[in-house]
Amino acid sequence: MDHVGDCEDYAALLAGVVAAPPFDLDPALVLLPGHVGVGVDPDAVGADGLPTLRVAGREYLYLDATYRVGLGTLPADHDEGVVAVRDGGWLVGDPGAFAAHVREAAALHAAARRPASR
């Protein structure tokens, strides 16, 4: 992790925290267009009345580690919908956006592996 941190770093950290005691939750990574957050089973945390996400028939309470938003609330600049959820496997909410996300990630990965020019 860098010193500033990206949403991916903070989401991974938050997922690790809520998976450990005393929480012992089973977190999922929630991919939004240009952002990553965490989803947990709303029943496991008593989230009655809070907004939830439904992806591929599963329901999640959205948690965000980088934006100051309420529990279950997507950040305003990333509320176009869920791209996918990583919950043991990929649950795709928007196949076109997921494919674009994968292409962008592959291009960034390839660029990072290129040797620096002198």
PDB file of N, CA and C in Angstrom:
ATOM      1  N   MET A   1       0.835  -1.180   0.000  1.00  0.00           N
ATOM      2  CA  MET A   1       0.000   0.000   0.000  1.00  0.00           C
ATOM      3  C   MET A   1       0.879   1.242   0.000  1.00  0.00           C
ATOM      4  N   ASP A   2       0.458   2.268  -0.731  1.00  0.00           N
ATOM      5  CA  ASP A   2       1.194   3.518  -0.699  1.00  0.00           C
ATOM      6  C   ASP A   2       0.724   4.330   0.502  1.00  0.00           C
ATOM      7  N   HIS A   3       1.362   5.468   0.705  1.00  0.00           N
ATOM      8  CA  HIS A   3       1.037   6.265   1.892  1.00  0.00           C
ATOM      9  C   HIS A   3      -0.295   6.993   1.775  1.00  0.00           C
ATOM     10  N   VAL A   4      -0.765   7.202   0.572  1.00  0.00           N
ATOM     11  CA  VAL A   4      -2.041   7.877   0.383  1.00  0.00           C
ATOM     12  C   VAL A   4      -3.176   6.873   0.452  1.00  0.00           C
ATOM     13  N   GLY A   5      -3.021   5.757  -0.226  1.00  0.00           N
ATOM     14  CA  GLY A   5      -4.042   4.721  -0.242  1.00  0.00           C
ATOM     15  C   GLY A   5      -5.076   4.971  -1.312  1.00  0.00           C
ATOM     16  N   ASP A   6      -5.489   3.929  -1.922  1.00  0.00           N
ATOM     17  CA  ASP A   6      -6.539   3.969  -2.926  1.00  0.00           C
ATOM     18  C   ASP A   6      -7.732   3.220  -2.371  1.00  0.00           C
ATOM     19  N   CYS A   7      -8.868   3.355  -3.039  1.00  0.00           N
ATOM     20  CA  CYS A   7     -10.065   2.680  -2.544  1.00  0.00           C
ATOM     21  C   CYS A   7      -9.858   1.169  -2.468  1.00  0.00           C
ATOM     22  N   GLU A   8      -9.054   0.613  -3.404  1.00  0.00           N
ATOM     23  CA  GLU A   8      -8.804  -0.833  -3.376  1.00  0.00           C
ATOM     24  C   GLU A   8      -8.072  -1.232  -2.099  1.00  0.00           C
ATOM     25  N   ASP A   9      -7.082  -0.413  -1.709  1.00  0.00           N
ATOM     26  CA  ASP A   9      -6.320  -0.695  -0.493  1.00  0.00           C
ATOM     27  C   ASP A   9      -7.215  -0.636   0.740  1.00  0.00           C
ATOM     28  N   TYR A  10      -7.982   0.435   0.838  1.00  0.00           N
ATOM     29  CA  TYR A  10      -8.847   0.603   1.999  1.00  0.00           C
ATOM     30  C   TYR A  10      -9.973  -0.431   2.037  1.00  0.00           C
ATOM     31  N   ALA A  11     -10.495  -0.803   0.879  1.00  0.00           N
ATOM     32  CA  ALA A  11     -11.534  -1.837   0.844  1.00  0.00           C
ATOM     33  C   ALA A  11     -10.968  -3.172   1.319  1.00  0.00           C
ATOM     34  N   ALA A  12      -9.748  -3.497   0.877  1.00  0.00           N
ATOM     35  CA  ALA A  12      -9.119  -4.749   1.318  1.00  0.00           C
ATOM     36  C   ALA A  12      -8.876  -4.722   2.826  1.00  0.00           C
ATOM     37  N   LEU A  13      -8.423  -3.583   3.339  1.00  0.00           N
ATOM     38  CA  LEU A  13      -8.191  -3.449   4.777  1.00  0.00           C
ATOM     39  C   LEU A  13      -9.502  -3.580   5.555  1.00  0.00           C
ATOM     40  N   LEU A  14     -10.546  -2.886   5.108  1.00  0.00           N
ATOM     41  CA  LEU A  14     -11.845  -2.971   5.776  1.00  0.00           C
ATOM     42  C   LEU A  14     -12.396  -4.394   5.739  1.00  0.00           C
ATOM     43  N   ALA A  15     -12.261  -5.060   4.590  1.00  0.00           N
ATOM     44  CA  ALA A  15     -12.730  -6.448   4.484  1.00  0.00           C
ATOM     45  C   ALA A  15     -11.999  -7.337   5.485  1.00  0.00           C
ATOM     46  N   GLY A  16     -10.696  -7.119   5.639  1.00  0.00           N
ATOM     47  CA  GLY A  16      -9.927  -7.900   6.606  1.00  0.00           C
ATOM     48  C   GLY A  16     -10.362  -7.642   8.037  1.00  0.00           C
ATOM     49  N   VAL A  17     -10.648  -6.395   8.352  1.00  0.00           N
ATOM     50  CA  VAL A  17     -11.082  -6.041   9.709  1.00  0.00           C
ATOM     51  C   VAL A  17     -12.430  -6.681  10.033  1.00  0.00           C
ATOM     52  N   VAL A  18     -13.401  -6.562   9.127  1.00  0.00           N
ATOM     53  CA  VAL A  18     -14.730  -7.106   9.441  1.00  0.00           C
ATOM     54  C   VAL A  18     -14.768  -8.630   9.380  1.00  0.00           C
ATOM     55  N   ALA A  19     -13.762  -9.251   8.750  1.00  0.00           N
ATOM     56  CA  ALA A  19     -13.700 -10.717   8.709  1.00  0.00           C
ATOM     57  C   ALA A  19     -13.105 -11.296   9.992  1.00  0.00           C
ATOM     58  N   ALA A  20     -12.400 -10.475  10.750  1.00  0.00           N
ATOM     59  CA  ALA A  20     -11.706 -10.934  11.958  1.00  0.00           C
ATOM     60  C   ALA A  20     -12.598 -10.755  13.190  1.00  0.00           C
ATOM     61  N   PRO A  21     -12.243 -11.459  14.295  1.00  0.00           N
ATOM     62  CA  PRO A  21     -12.969 -11.247  15.543  1.00  0.00           C
ATOM     63  C   PRO A  21     -12.814  -9.789  15.982  1.00  0.00           C
ATOM     64  N   PRO A  22     -13.776  -9.200  16.578  1.00  0.00           N
ATOM     65  CA  PRO A  22     -15.023  -9.774  17.068  1.00  0.00           C
ATOM     66  C   PRO A  22     -16.153  -9.767  16.037  1.00  0.00           C
ATOM     67  N   PHE A  23     -15.892  -9.249  14.828  1.00  0.00           N
ATOM     68  CA  PHE A  23     -16.966  -9.125  13.840  1.00  0.00           C
ATOM     69  C   PHE A  23     -17.298 -10.454  13.167  1.00  0.00           C
ATOM     70  N   ASP A  24     -16.270 -11.169  12.699  1.00  0.00           N
ATOM     71  CA  ASP A  24     -16.435 -12.488  12.063  1.00  0.00           C
ATOM     72  C   ASP A  24     -17.462 -12.488  10.929  1.00  0.00           C
ATOM     73  N   LEU A  25     -17.440 -11.438  10.099  1.00  0.00           N
ATOM     74  CA  LEU A  25     -18.348 -11.364   8.952  1.00  0.00           C
ATOM     75  C   LEU A  25     -17.683 -11.979   7.733  1.00  0.00           C
ATOM     76  N   ASP A  26     -18.459 -12.230   6.711  1.00  0.00           N
ATOM     77  CA  ASP A  26     -17.962 -12.784   5.454  1.00  0.00           C
ATOM     78  C   ASP A  26     -18.086 -11.690   4.391  1.00  0.00           C
ATOM     79  N   PRO A  27     -17.077 -10.801   4.286  1.00  0.00           N
ATOM     80  CA  PRO A  27     -17.202  -9.655   3.391  1.00  0.00           C
ATOM     81  C   PRO A  27     -17.022 -10.014   1.921  1.00  0.00           C
ATOM     82  N   ALA A  28     -17.595  -9.178   1.073  1.00  0.00           N
ATOM     83  CA  ALA A  28     -17.430  -9.284  -0.375  1.00  0.00           C
ATOM     84  C   ALA A  28     -16.897  -7.946  -0.872  1.00  0.00           C
ATOM     85  N   LEU A  29     -16.116  -7.960  -1.940  1.00  0.00           N
ATOM     86  CA  LEU A  29     -15.679  -6.714  -2.564  1.00  0.00           C
ATOM     87  C   LEU A  29     -16.731  -6.289  -3.575  1.00  0.00           C
ATOM     88  N   VAL A  30     -17.121  -5.038  -3.539  1.00  0.00           N
ATOM     89  CA  VAL A  30     -18.150  -4.489  -4.421  1.00  0.00           C
ATOM     90  C   VAL A  30     -17.481  -3.521  -5.392  1.00  0.00           C
ATOM     91  N   LEU A  31     -17.520  -3.856  -6.680  1.00  0.00           N
ATOM     92  CA  LEU A  31     -16.938  -2.999  -7.706  1.00  0.00           C
ATOM     93  C   LEU A  31     -18.003  -2.081  -8.279  1.00  0.00           C
ATOM     94  N   LEU A  32     -17.737  -0.790  -8.173  1.00  0.00           N
ATOM     95  CA  LEU A  32     -18.572   0.244  -8.769  1.00  0.00           C
ATOM     96  C   LEU A  32     -17.765   0.856  -9.907  1.00  0.00           C
ATOM     97  N   PRO A  33     -18.369   1.606 -10.798  1.00  0.00           N
ATOM     98  CA  PRO A  33     -17.572   2.259 -11.843  1.00  0.00           C
ATOM     99  C   PRO A  33     -16.523   3.186 -11.216  1.00  0.00           C
ATOM    100  N   GLY A  34     -15.258   2.824 -11.322  1.00  0.00           N
ATOM    101  CA  GLY A  34     -14.171   3.638 -10.796  1.00  0.00           C
ATOM    102  C   GLY A  34     -13.973   3.586  -9.299  1.00  0.00           C
ATOM    103  N   HIS A  35     -14.534   2.613  -8.615  1.00  0.00           N
ATOM    104  CA  HIS A  35     -14.447   2.581  -7.155  1.00  0.00           C
ATOM    105  C   HIS A  35     -14.646   1.154  -6.646  1.00  0.00           C
ATOM    106  N   VAL A  36     -14.153   0.884  -5.432  1.00  0.00           N
ATOM    107  CA  VAL A  36     -14.331  -0.416  -4.782  1.00  0.00           C
ATOM    108  C   VAL A  36     -14.743  -0.188  -3.334  1.00  0.00           C
ATOM    109  N   GLY A  37     -15.720  -0.947  -2.881  1.00  0.00           N
ATOM    110  CA  GLY A  37     -16.151  -0.914  -1.495  1.00  0.00           C
ATOM    111  C   GLY A  37     -16.322  -2.334  -0.988  1.00  0.00           C
ATOM    112  N   VAL A  38     -16.991  -2.477   0.133  1.00  0.00           N
ATOM    113  CA  VAL A  38     -17.176  -3.781   0.775  1.00  0.00           C
ATOM    114  C   VAL A  38     -18.673  -4.012   0.976  1.00  0.00           C
ATOM    115  N   GLY A  39     -19.092  -5.251   0.815  1.00  0.00           N
ATOM    116  CA  GLY A  39     -20.470  -5.625   1.097  1.00  0.00           C
ATOM    117  C   GLY A  39     -20.505  -6.716   2.146  1.00  0.00           C
ATOM    118  N   VAL A  40     -21.479  -6.630   3.046  1.00  0.00           N
ATOM    119  CA  VAL A  40     -21.667  -7.671   4.062  1.00  0.00           C
ATOM    120  C   VAL A  40     -23.144  -8.054   4.082  1.00  0.00           C
ATOM    121  N   ASP A  41     -23.427  -9.216   4.626  1.00  0.00           N
ATOM    122  CA  ASP A  41     -24.804  -9.693   4.755  1.00  0.00           C
ATOM    123  C   ASP A  41     -25.552  -8.762   5.712  1.00  0.00           C
ATOM    124  N   PRO A  42     -26.601  -8.094   5.241  1.00  0.00           N
ATOM    125  CA  PRO A  42     -27.308  -7.156   6.118  1.00  0.00           C
ATOM    126  C   PRO A  42     -27.926  -7.826   7.343  1.00  0.00           C
ATOM    127  N   ASP A  43     -28.329  -9.085   7.227  1.00  0.00           N
ATOM    128  CA  ASP A  43     -28.904  -9.786   8.376  1.00  0.00           C
ATOM    129  C   ASP A  43     -27.862 -10.050   9.455  1.00  0.00           C
ATOM    130  N   ALA A  44     -26.598 -10.193   9.053  1.00  0.00           N
ATOM    131  CA  ALA A  44     -25.531 -10.486  10.014  1.00  0.00           C
ATOM    132  C   ALA A  44     -25.196  -9.283  10.886  1.00  0.00           C
ATOM    133  N   VAL A  45     -25.587  -8.086  10.443  1.00  0.00           N
ATOM    134  CA  VAL A  45     -25.257  -6.878  11.204  1.00  0.00           C
ATOM    135  C   VAL A  45     -26.499  -6.122  11.675  1.00  0.00           C
ATOM    136  N   GLY A  46     -27.669  -6.727  11.518  1.00  0.00           N
ATOM    137  CA  GLY A  46     -28.901  -6.081  11.967  1.00  0.00           C
ATOM    138  C   GLY A  46     -29.171  -4.771  11.250  1.00  0.00           C
ATOM    139  N   ALA A  47     -29.095  -4.802   9.935  1.00  0.00           N
ATOM    140  CA  ALA A  47     -29.211  -3.585   9.126  1.00  0.00           C
ATOM    141  C   ALA A  47     -30.643  -3.272   8.723  1.00  0.00           C
ATOM    142  N   ASP A  48     -31.589  -3.556   9.582  1.00  0.00           N
ATOM    143  CA  ASP A  48     -33.001  -3.281   9.272  1.00  0.00           C
ATOM    144  C   ASP A  48     -33.191  -1.807   8.937  1.00  0.00           C
ATOM    145  N   GLY A  49     -33.829  -1.547   7.805  1.00  0.00           N
ATOM    146  CA  GLY A  49     -34.128  -0.180   7.417  1.00  0.00           C
ATOM    147  C   GLY A  49     -33.031   0.535   6.655  1.00  0.00           C
ATOM    148  N   LEU A  50     -31.847  -0.050   6.574  1.00  0.00           N
ATOM    149  CA  LEU A  50     -30.762   0.576   5.814  1.00  0.00           C
ATOM    150  C   LEU A  50     -30.849   0.149   4.354  1.00  0.00           C
ATOM    151  N   PRO A  51     -30.397   1.007   3.438  1.00  0.00           N
ATOM    152  CA  PRO A  51     -30.423   0.620   2.019  1.00  0.00           C
ATOM    153  C   PRO A  51     -29.453  -0.522   1.751  1.00  0.00           C
ATOM    154  N   THR A  52     -29.851  -1.427   0.884  1.00  0.00           N
ATOM    155  CA  THR A  52     -28.997  -2.561   0.536  1.00  0.00           C
ATOM    156  C   THR A  52     -28.857  -2.655  -0.978  1.00  0.00           C
ATOM    157  N   LEU A  53     -27.864  -3.427  -1.406  1.00  0.00           N
ATOM    158  CA  LEU A  53     -27.630  -3.713  -2.816  1.00  0.00           C
ATOM    159  C   LEU A  53     -28.080  -5.130  -3.096  1.00  0.00           C
ATOM    160  N   ARG A  54     -28.664  -5.357  -4.254  1.00  0.00           N
ATOM    161  CA  ARG A  54     -29.009  -6.715  -4.665  1.00  0.00           C
ATOM    162  C   ARG A  54     -28.283  -6.993  -5.965  1.00  0.00           C
ATOM    163  N   VAL A  55     -27.426  -8.014  -5.941  1.00  0.00           N
ATOM    164  CA  VAL A  55     -26.663  -8.418  -7.124  1.00  0.00           C
ATOM    165  C   VAL A  55     -26.797  -9.922  -7.264  1.00  0.00           C
ATOM    166  N   ALA A  56     -27.249 -10.357  -8.427  1.00  0.00           N
ATOM    167  CA  ALA A  56     -27.395 -11.783  -8.736  1.00  0.00           C
ATOM    168  C   ALA A  56     -28.168 -12.517  -7.640  1.00  0.00           C
ATOM    169  N   GLY A  57     -29.219 -11.886  -7.136  1.00  0.00           N
ATOM    170  CA  GLY A  57     -30.076 -12.517  -6.144  1.00  0.00           C
ATOM    171  C   GLY A  57     -29.557 -12.472  -4.719  1.00  0.00           C
ATOM    172  N   ARG A  58     -28.395 -11.877  -4.499  1.00  0.00           N
ATOM    173  CA  ARG A  58     -27.848 -11.760  -3.140  1.00  0.00           C
ATOM    174  C   ARG A  58     -27.948 -10.310  -2.678  1.00  0.00           C
ATOM    175  N   GLU A  59     -28.135 -10.149  -1.384  1.00  0.00           N
ATOM    176  CA  GLU A  59     -28.296  -8.814  -0.824  1.00  0.00           C
ATOM    177  C   GLU A  59     -27.068  -8.459   0.017  1.00  0.00           C
ATOM    178  N   TYR A  60     -26.632  -7.201  -0.089  1.00  0.00           N
ATOM    179  CA  TYR A  60     -25.446  -6.728   0.628  1.00  0.00           C
ATOM    180  C   TYR A  60     -25.717  -5.367   1.250  1.00  0.00           C
ATOM    181  N   LEU A  61     -25.142  -5.150   2.423  1.00  0.00           N
ATOM    182  CA  LEU A  61     -25.055  -3.819   3.000  1.00  0.00           C
ATOM    183  C   LEU A  61     -23.717  -3.265   2.540  1.00  0.00           C
ATOM    184  N   TYR A  62     -23.740  -2.134   1.861  1.00  0.00           N
ATOM    185  CA  TYR A  62     -22.517  -1.542   1.318  1.00  0.00           C
ATOM    186  C   TYR A  62     -21.799  -0.735   2.396  1.00  0.00           C
ATOM    187  N   LEU A  63     -20.484  -0.961   2.504  1.00  0.00           N
ATOM    188  CA  LEU A  63     -19.622  -0.217   3.421  1.00  0.00           C
ATOM    189  C   LEU A  63     -18.537   0.454   2.594  1.00  0.00           C
ATOM    190  N   ASP A  64     -18.259   1.707   2.871  1.00  0.00           N
ATOM    191  CA  ASP A  64     -17.238   2.431   2.120  1.00  0.00           C
ATOM    192  C   ASP A  64     -16.166   2.924   3.077  1.00  0.00           C
ATOM    193  N   ALA A  65     -14.917   2.645   2.747  1.00  0.00           N
ATOM    194  CA  ALA A  65     -13.808   3.013   3.620  1.00  0.00           C
ATOM    195  C   ALA A  65     -13.166   4.346   3.247  1.00  0.00           C
ATOM    196  N   THR A  66     -13.565   4.953   2.136  1.00  0.00           N
ATOM    197  CA  THR A  66     -12.902   6.184   1.711  1.00  0.00           C
ATOM    198  C   THR A  66     -13.824   7.394   1.630  1.00  0.00           C
ATOM    199  N   TYR A  67     -15.112   7.192   1.489  1.00  0.00           N
ATOM    200  CA  TYR A  67     -16.054   8.307   1.414  1.00  0.00           C
ATOM    201  C   TYR A  67     -16.836   8.411   2.713  1.00  0.00           C
ATOM    202  N   ARG A  68     -17.195   9.617   3.087  1.00  0.00           N
ATOM    203  CA  ARG A  68     -18.034   9.824   4.270  1.00  0.00           C
ATOM    204  C   ARG A  68     -19.498   9.737   3.856  1.00  0.00           C
ATOM    205  N   VAL A  69     -19.967   8.509   3.765  1.00  0.00           N
ATOM    206  CA  VAL A  69     -21.365   8.249   3.418  1.00  0.00           C
ATOM    207  C   VAL A  69     -21.945   7.324   4.478  1.00  0.00           C
ATOM    208  N   GLY A  70     -23.246   7.333   4.610  1.00  0.00           N
ATOM    209  CA  GLY A  70     -23.903   6.473   5.583  1.00  0.00           C
ATOM    210  C   GLY A  70     -23.812   5.006   5.200  1.00  0.00           C
ATOM    211  N   LEU A  71     -24.020   4.136   6.170  1.00  0.00           N
ATOM    212  CA  LEU A  71     -24.021   2.702   5.900  1.00  0.00           C
ATOM    213  C   LEU A  71     -25.054   2.385   4.831  1.00  0.00           C
ATOM    214  N   GLY A  72     -24.644   1.622   3.834  1.00  0.00           N
ATOM    215  CA  GLY A  72     -25.543   1.228   2.767  1.00  0.00           C
ATOM    216  C   GLY A  72     -25.648   2.232   1.636  1.00  0.00           C
ATOM    217  N   THR A  73     -25.016   3.390   1.777  1.00  0.00           N
ATOM    218  CA  THR A  73     -25.135   4.451   0.780  1.00  0.00           C
ATOM    219  C   THR A  73     -23.931   4.459  -0.152  1.00  0.00           C
ATOM    220  N   LEU A  74     -24.202   4.434  -1.458  1.00  0.00           N
ATOM    221  CA  LEU A  74     -23.129   4.533  -2.445  1.00  0.00           C
ATOM    222  C   LEU A  74     -22.674   5.983  -2.547  1.00  0.00           C
ATOM    223  N   PRO A  75     -21.364   6.223  -2.763  1.00  0.00           N
ATOM    224  CA  PRO A  75     -20.896   7.595  -2.975  1.00  0.00           C
ATOM    225  C   PRO A  75     -21.604   8.212  -4.186  1.00  0.00           C
ATOM    226  N   ALA A  76     -21.960   9.478  -4.104  1.00  0.00           N
ATOM    227  CA  ALA A  76     -22.742  10.139  -5.154  1.00  0.00           C
ATOM    228  C   ALA A  76     -22.064  10.073  -6.516  1.00  0.00           C
ATOM    229  N   ASP A  77     -20.732  10.154  -6.547  1.00  0.00           N
ATOM    230  CA  ASP A  77     -20.057  10.135  -7.846  1.00  0.00           C
ATOM    231  C   ASP A  77     -19.739   8.725  -8.330  1.00  0.00           C
ATOM    232  N   HIS A  78     -20.244   7.719  -7.636  1.00  0.00           N
ATOM    233  CA  HIS A  78     -20.060   6.322  -8.059  1.00  0.00           C
ATOM    234  C   HIS A  78     -21.366   5.541  -7.946  1.00  0.00           C
ATOM    235  N   ASP A  79     -22.495   6.207  -8.073  1.00  0.00           N
ATOM    236  CA  ASP A  79     -23.775   5.536  -7.837  1.00  0.00           C
ATOM    237  C   ASP A  79     -24.471   5.080  -9.118  1.00  0.00           C
ATOM    238  N   GLU A  80     -23.690   4.853 -10.194  1.00  0.00           N
ATOM    239  CA  GLU A  80     -24.280   4.412 -11.457  1.00  0.00           C
ATOM    240  C   GLU A  80     -24.753   2.968 -11.404  1.00  0.00           C
ATOM    241  N   GLY A  81     -24.387   2.253 -10.378  1.00  0.00           N
ATOM    242  CA  GLY A  81     -24.785   0.857 -10.246  1.00  0.00           C
ATOM    243  C   GLY A  81     -23.586  -0.029  -9.991  1.00  0.00           C
ATOM    244  N   VAL A  82     -23.855  -1.223  -9.555  1.00  0.00           N
ATOM    245  CA  VAL A  82     -22.800  -2.173  -9.222  1.00  0.00           C
ATOM    246  C   VAL A  82     -22.308  -2.846 -10.494  1.00  0.00           C
ATOM    247  N   VAL A  83     -20.992  -2.835 -10.682  1.00  0.00           N
ATOM    248  CA  VAL A  83     -20.388  -3.531 -11.815  1.00  0.00           C
ATOM    249  C   VAL A  83     -20.357  -5.021 -11.519  1.00  0.00           C
ATOM    250  N   ALA A  84     -19.814  -5.384 -10.347  1.00  0.00           N
ATOM    251  CA  ALA A  84     -19.701  -6.793  -9.966  1.00  0.00           C
ATOM    252  C   ALA A  84     -19.404  -6.884  -8.478  1.00  0.00           C
ATOM    253  N   VAL A  85     -19.585  -8.079  -7.938  1.00  0.00           N
ATOM    254  CA  VAL A  85     -19.261  -8.371  -6.547  1.00  0.00           C
ATOM    255  C   VAL A  85     -18.387  -9.611  -6.535  1.00  0.00           C
ATOM    256  N   ARG A  86     -17.309  -9.564  -5.768  1.00  0.00           N
ATOM    257  CA  ARG A  86     -16.444 -10.732  -5.589  1.00  0.00           C
ATOM    258  C   ARG A  86     -16.822 -11.356  -4.256  1.00  0.00           C
ATOM    259  N   ASP A  87     -17.560 -12.452  -4.333  1.00  0.00           N
ATOM    260  CA  ASP A  87     -18.071 -13.130  -3.142  1.00  0.00           C
ATOM    261  C   ASP A  87     -17.883 -14.627  -3.343  1.00  0.00           C
ATOM    262  N   GLY A  88     -16.635 -15.079  -3.267  1.00  0.00           N
ATOM    263  CA  GLY A  88     -16.310 -16.471  -3.552  1.00  0.00           C
ATOM    264  C   GLY A  88     -16.156 -16.710  -5.044  1.00  0.00           C
ATOM    265  N   GLY A  89     -16.810 -15.940  -5.839  1.00  0.00           N
ATOM    266  CA  GLY A  89     -16.751 -15.946  -7.298  1.00  0.00           C
ATOM    267  C   GLY A  89     -17.300 -14.611  -7.754  1.00  0.00           C
ATOM    268  N   TRP A  90     -17.235 -14.348  -9.042  1.00  0.00           N
ATOM    269  CA  TRP A  90     -17.737 -13.068  -9.546  1.00  0.00           C
ATOM    270  C   TRP A  90     -19.241 -13.127  -9.760  1.00  0.00           C
ATOM    271  N   LEU A  91     -19.966 -12.196  -9.176  1.00  0.00           N
ATOM    272  CA  LEU A  91     -21.389 -11.987  -9.420  1.00  0.00           C
ATOM    273  C   LEU A  91     -21.478 -10.689 -10.211  1.00  0.00           C
ATOM    274  N   VAL A  92     -21.821 -10.786 -11.464  1.00  0.00           N
ATOM    275  CA  VAL A  92     -21.773  -9.627 -12.345  1.00  0.00           C
ATOM    276  C   VAL A  92     -23.117  -8.913 -12.362  1.00  0.00           C
ATOM    277  N   GLY A  93     -23.086  -7.625 -12.036  1.00  0.00           N
ATOM    278  CA  GLY A  93     -24.297  -6.816 -12.066  1.00  0.00           C
ATOM    279  C   GLY A  93     -24.503  -6.149 -13.408  1.00  0.00           C
ATOM    280  N   ASP A  94     -23.417  -5.756 -14.071  1.00  0.00           N
ATOM    281  CA  ASP A  94     -23.468  -5.075 -15.369  1.00  0.00           C
ATOM    282  C   ASP A  94     -22.379  -5.678 -16.248  1.00  0.00           C
ATOM    283  N   PRO A  95     -22.718  -6.660 -17.093  1.00  0.00           N
ATOM    284  CA  PRO A  95     -21.700  -7.355 -17.892  1.00  0.00           C
ATOM    285  C   PRO A  95     -20.847  -6.427 -18.749  1.00  0.00           C
ATOM    286  N   GLY A  96     -21.441  -5.415 -19.379  1.00  0.00           N
ATOM    287  CA  GLY A  96     -20.667  -4.495 -20.210  1.00  0.00           C
ATOM    288  C   GLY A  96     -19.668  -3.699 -19.396  1.00  0.00           C
ATOM    289  N   ALA A  97     -20.102  -3.181 -18.254  1.00  0.00           N
ATOM    290  CA  ALA A  97     -19.205  -2.418 -17.386  1.00  0.00           C
ATOM    291  C   ALA A  97     -18.126  -3.322 -16.800  1.00  0.00           C
ATOM    292  N   PHE A  98     -18.478  -4.569 -16.487  1.00  0.00           N
ATOM    293  CA  PHE A  98     -17.488  -5.501 -15.952  1.00  0.00           C
ATOM    294  C   PHE A  98     -16.409  -5.782 -16.988  1.00  0.00           C
ATOM    295  N   ALA A  99     -16.799  -6.013 -18.241  1.00  0.00           N
ATOM    296  CA  ALA A  99     -15.825  -6.262 -19.309  1.00  0.00           C
ATOM    297  C   ALA A  99     -14.920  -5.050 -19.502  1.00  0.00           C
ATOM    298  N   ALA A 100     -15.487  -3.846 -19.462  1.00  0.00           N
ATOM    299  CA  ALA A 100     -14.678  -2.629 -19.600  1.00  0.00           C
ATOM    300  C   ALA A 100     -13.708  -2.495 -18.430  1.00  0.00           C
ATOM    301  N   HIS A 101     -14.167  -2.822 -17.224  1.00  0.00           N
ATOM    302  CA  HIS A 101     -13.314  -2.761 -16.031  1.00  0.00           C
ATOM    303  C   HIS A 101     -12.142  -3.735 -16.163  1.00  0.00           C
ATOM    304  N   VAL A 102     -12.412  -4.940 -16.634  1.00  0.00           N
ATOM    305  CA  VAL A 102     -11.358  -5.944 -16.812  1.00  0.00           C
ATOM    306  C   VAL A 102     -10.351  -5.472 -17.854  1.00  0.00           C
ATOM    307  N   ARG A 103     -10.831  -4.914 -18.969  1.00  0.00           N
ATOM    308  CA  ARG A 103      -9.918  -4.405 -20.004  1.00  0.00           C
ATOM    309  C   ARG A 103      -9.041  -3.280 -19.461  1.00  0.00           C
ATOM    310  N   GLU A 104      -9.634  -2.361 -18.710  1.00  0.00           N
ATOM    311  CA  GLU A 104      -8.872  -1.251 -18.135  1.00  0.00           C
ATOM    312  C   GLU A 104      -7.831  -1.766 -17.146  1.00  0.00           C
ATOM    313  N   ALA A 105      -8.222  -2.707 -16.294  1.00  0.00           N
ATOM    314  CA  ALA A 105      -7.282  -3.268 -15.323  1.00  0.00           C
ATOM    315  C   ALA A 105      -6.144  -3.998 -16.023  1.00  0.00           C
ATOM    316  N   ALA A 106      -6.445  -4.733 -17.086  1.00  0.00           N
ATOM    317  CA  ALA A 106      -5.406  -5.446 -17.835  1.00  0.00           C
ATOM    318  C   ALA A 106      -4.439  -4.463 -18.484  1.00  0.00           C
ATOM    319  N   ALA A 107      -4.950  -3.364 -19.031  1.00  0.00           N
ATOM    320  CA  ALA A 107      -4.084  -2.358 -19.653  1.00  0.00           C
ATOM    321  C   ALA A 107      -3.192  -1.690 -18.612  1.00  0.00           C
ATOM    322  N   LEU A 108      -3.736  -1.375 -17.448  1.00  0.00           N
ATOM    323  CA  LEU A 108      -2.934  -0.776 -16.382  1.00  0.00           C
ATOM    324  C   LEU A 108      -1.867  -1.740 -15.896  1.00  0.00           C
ATOM    325  N   HIS A 109      -2.224  -3.007 -15.769  1.00  0.00           N
ATOM    326  CA  HIS A 109      -1.266  -4.024 -15.336  1.00  0.00           C
ATOM    327  C   HIS A 109      -0.142  -4.162 -16.357  1.00  0.00           C
ATOM    328  N   ALA A 110      -0.486  -4.202 -17.639  1.00  0.00           N
ATOM    329  CA  ALA A 110       0.522  -4.324 -18.696  1.00  0.00           C
ATOM    330  C   ALA A 110       1.439  -3.110 -18.706  1.00  0.00           C
ATOM    331  N   ALA A 111       0.878  -1.916 -18.524  1.00  0.00           N
ATOM    332  CA  ALA A 111       1.692  -0.697 -18.508  1.00  0.00           C
ATOM    333  C   ALA A 111       2.638  -0.690 -17.313  1.00  0.00           C
ATOM    334  N   ALA A 112       2.179  -1.184 -16.181  1.00  0.00           N
ATOM    335  CA  ALA A 112       3.017  -1.210 -14.980  1.00  0.00           C
ATOM    336  C   ALA A 112       4.165  -2.198 -15.113  1.00  0.00           C
ATOM    337  N   ARG A 113       4.010  -3.207 -15.945  1.00  0.00           N
ATOM    338  CA  ARG A 113       5.056  -4.223 -16.102  1.00  0.00           C
ATOM    339  C   ARG A 113       6.105  -3.823 -17.127  1.00  0.00           C
ATOM    340  N   ARG A 114       5.817  -2.806 -17.950  1.00  0.00           N
ATOM    341  CA  ARG A 114       6.794  -2.366 -18.946  1.00  0.00           C
ATOM    342  C   ARG A 114       7.974  -1.719 -18.249  1.00  0.00           C
ATOM    343  N   PRO A 115       9.189  -2.001 -18.746  1.00  0.00           N
ATOM    344  CA  PRO A 115      10.354  -1.350 -18.146  1.00  0.00           C
ATOM    345  C   PRO A 115      10.289   0.159 -18.378  1.00  0.00           C
ATOM    346  N   ALA A 116      10.771   0.895 -17.415  1.00  0.00           N
ATOM    347  CA  ALA A 116      10.793   2.355 -17.536  1.00  0.00           C
ATOM    348  C   ALA A 116      11.771   2.762 -18.628  1.00  0.00           C
ATOM    349  N   SER A 117      11.392   3.757 -19.421  1.00  0.00           N
ATOM    350  CA  SER A 117      12.295   4.233 -20.475  1.00  0.00           C
ATOM    351  C   SER A 117      13.352   5.131 -19.852  1.00  0.00           C
ATOM    352  N   ARG A 118      14.525   5.113 -20.469  1.00  0.00           N
ATOM    353  CA  ARG A 118      15.637   5.906 -19.919  1.00  0.00           C
ATOM    354  C   ARG A 118      15.859   7.137 -20.713  1.00  0.00           C
TER     355      ARG A 118
END
